[in-house]
C-alpha atoms as a PDB file:
ATOM      1  CA  PRO A   1      -0.323   0.261  -0.122  1.00  0.00           C
ATOM      2  CA  VAL A   2       1.040   3.941  -0.719  1.00  0.00           C
ATOM      3  CA  ASN A   3      -0.379   7.204  -0.041  1.00  0.00           C
ATOM      4  CA  SER A   4       0.206   8.254  -3.185  1.00  0.00           C
ATOM      5  CA  PHE A   5      -2.046  11.208  -4.504  1.00  0.00           C
ATOM      6  CA  HIS A   6      -0.022  13.021  -6.582  1.00  0.00           C
ATOM      7  CA  HIS A   7      -1.857  13.622  -9.838  1.00  0.00           C
ATOM      8  CA  GLN A   8       1.554  13.135 -12.113  1.00  0.00           C
ATOM      9  CA  ALA A   9       3.132  10.264 -11.991  1.00  0.00           C
ATOM     10  CA  PRO A  10       5.945   8.631 -14.847  1.00  0.00           C
ATOM     11  CA  ARG A  11       4.663   6.991 -18.066  1.00  0.00           C
ATOM     12  CA  VAL A  12       8.513   5.695 -19.003  1.00  0.00           C
ATOM     13  CA  CYS A  13      11.596   5.901 -17.760  1.00  0.00           C
ATOM     14  CA  GLY A  14      15.421   6.698 -19.231  1.00  0.00           C
ATOM     15  CA  ARG A  15      17.447   4.246 -19.558  1.00  0.00           C
ATOM     16  CA  ILE A  16      19.443   4.339 -15.835  1.00  0.00           C
ATOM     17  CA  TRP A  17      16.223   3.570 -14.207  1.00  0.00           C
ATOM     18  CA  GLN A  18      13.586   0.504 -13.746  1.00  0.00           C
ATOM     19  CA  PRO A  19      10.249   0.938 -12.662  1.00  0.00           C
ATOM     20  CA  VAL A  20      10.186  -1.538  -9.383  1.00  0.00           C
ATOM     21  CA  ALA A  21       6.590  -0.420  -8.155  1.00  0.00           C
ATOM     22  CA  HIS A  22       3.382   0.055  -9.416  1.00  0.00           C
ATOM     23  CA  SER A  23       0.053   1.479  -8.077  1.00  0.00           C
ATOM     24  CA  SER A  24      -3.305   0.168  -8.979  1.00  0.00           C
ATOM     25  CA  ASP A  25      -4.270   1.728 -12.064  1.00  0.00           C
ATOM     26  CA  GLY A  26      -0.715   1.071 -13.433  1.00  0.00           C
ATOM     27  CA  LEU A  27       1.383   3.695 -12.202  1.00  0.00           C
ATOM     28  CA  ILE A  28       4.838   3.986 -11.598  1.00  0.00           C
ATOM     29  CA  GLU A  29       5.407   4.405  -7.945  1.00  0.00           C
ATOM     30  CA  ALA A  30       8.624   3.153  -7.244  1.00  0.00           C
ATOM     31  CA  LEU A  31      11.988   3.311  -9.415  1.00  0.00           C
ATOM     32  CA  VAL A  32      15.198   2.702  -8.735  1.00  0.00           C
ATOM     33  CA  ALA A  33      19.142   2.889 -11.057  1.00  0.00           C
ATOM     34  CA  PRO A  34      20.892  -0.617 -10.471  1.00  0.00           C
ATOM     35  CA  ALA A  35      24.221   0.348 -10.930  1.00  0.00           C
ATOM     36  CA  ALA A  36      24.089   3.247  -9.230  1.00  0.00           C
ATOM     37  CA  SER A  37      25.193   2.901  -4.971  1.00  0.00           C
ATOM     38  CA  PHE A  38      22.199   4.619  -3.784  1.00  0.00           C
ATOM     39  CA  ALA A  39      19.473   5.837  -6.288  1.00  0.00           C
ATOM     40  CA  LEU A  40      16.506   5.171  -5.708  1.00  0.00           C
ATOM     41  CA  GLY A  41      12.615   7.695  -5.969  1.00  0.00           C
ATOM     42  CA  VAL A  42       8.855   6.584  -5.153  1.00  0.00           C
ATOM     43  CA  GLN A  43       5.662   8.397  -5.597  1.00  0.00           C
ATOM     44  CA  TRP A  44       4.110   8.812  -2.373  1.00  0.00           C
ATOM     45  CA  HIS A  45       5.840   9.723   1.424  1.00  0.00           C
ATOM     46  CA  PRO A  46       7.202   6.993   3.431  1.00  0.00           C
ATOM     47  CA  GLU A  47       7.765   8.968   6.289  1.00  0.00           C
ATOM     48  CA  GLU A  48       4.820   9.536   6.944  1.00  0.00           C
ATOM     49  CA  MET A  49       3.700   5.951   6.874  1.00  0.00           C
ATOM     50  CA  THR A  50       7.093   4.236   8.780  1.00  0.00           C
ATOM     51  CA  LEU A  51       4.810   3.847  11.903  1.00  0.00           C
ATOM     52  CA  SER A  52       2.353   1.914  10.373  1.00  0.00           C
ATOM     53  CA  THR A  53       4.113  -0.169   7.853  1.00  0.00           C
ATOM     54  CA  PRO A  54       7.500  -1.778   8.703  1.00  0.00           C
ATOM     55  CA  ALA A  55       9.011  -2.111   5.028  1.00  0.00           C
ATOM     56  CA  HIS A  56       8.287   2.092   4.685  1.00  0.00           C
ATOM     57  CA  ALA A  57      10.130   2.242   8.376  1.00  0.00           C
ATOM     58  CA  ARG A  58      13.762   0.405   6.142  1.00  0.00           C
ATOM     59  CA  LEU A  59      12.406   2.284   2.949  1.00  0.00           C
ATOM     60  CA  PHE A  60      13.589   5.923   5.198  1.00  0.00           C
ATOM     61  CA  ALA A  61      16.215   4.138   7.370  1.00  0.00           C
ATOM     62  CA  ALA A  62      17.747   3.241   3.570  1.00  0.00           C
ATOM     63  CA  LEU A  63      16.982   6.684   2.613  1.00  0.00           C
ATOM     64  CA  THR A  64      18.798   9.083   5.671  1.00  0.00           C
ATOM     65  CA  ALA A  65      21.950   6.024   6.098  1.00  0.00           C
ATOM     66  CA  ALA A  66      22.806   6.922   2.456  1.00  0.00           C
ATOM     67  CA  ALA A  67      22.753  10.466   3.443  1.00  0.00           C
ATOM     68  CA  ARG A  68      24.554  10.225   6.035  1.00  0.00           C
ATOM     69  CA  ALA A  69      27.283   7.555   4.097  1.00  0.00           C
ATOM     70  CA  ARG A  70      27.628  10.543   1.461  1.00  0.00           C
ATOM     71  CA  LEU A  71      28.626  13.570   4.113  1.00  0.00           C
ATOM     72  CA  GLY A  72      30.242  11.793   5.619  1.00  0.00           C
END
């Protein structure tokens, strides 16, 4: 489940991106760039769902860990 309420979404991706999640209406909700050290895009707001779903908490934790590692 995602809390997506956006009215815009990518229909196709560039070559480095791979869609990994779609909403029930077929919109791309998440993208990854497998060749990158850390690159992902989500169309929903995992930071607002961390208490209700452990998977969302892990996504947000991975984002903050990657930011900390990048800053040194």
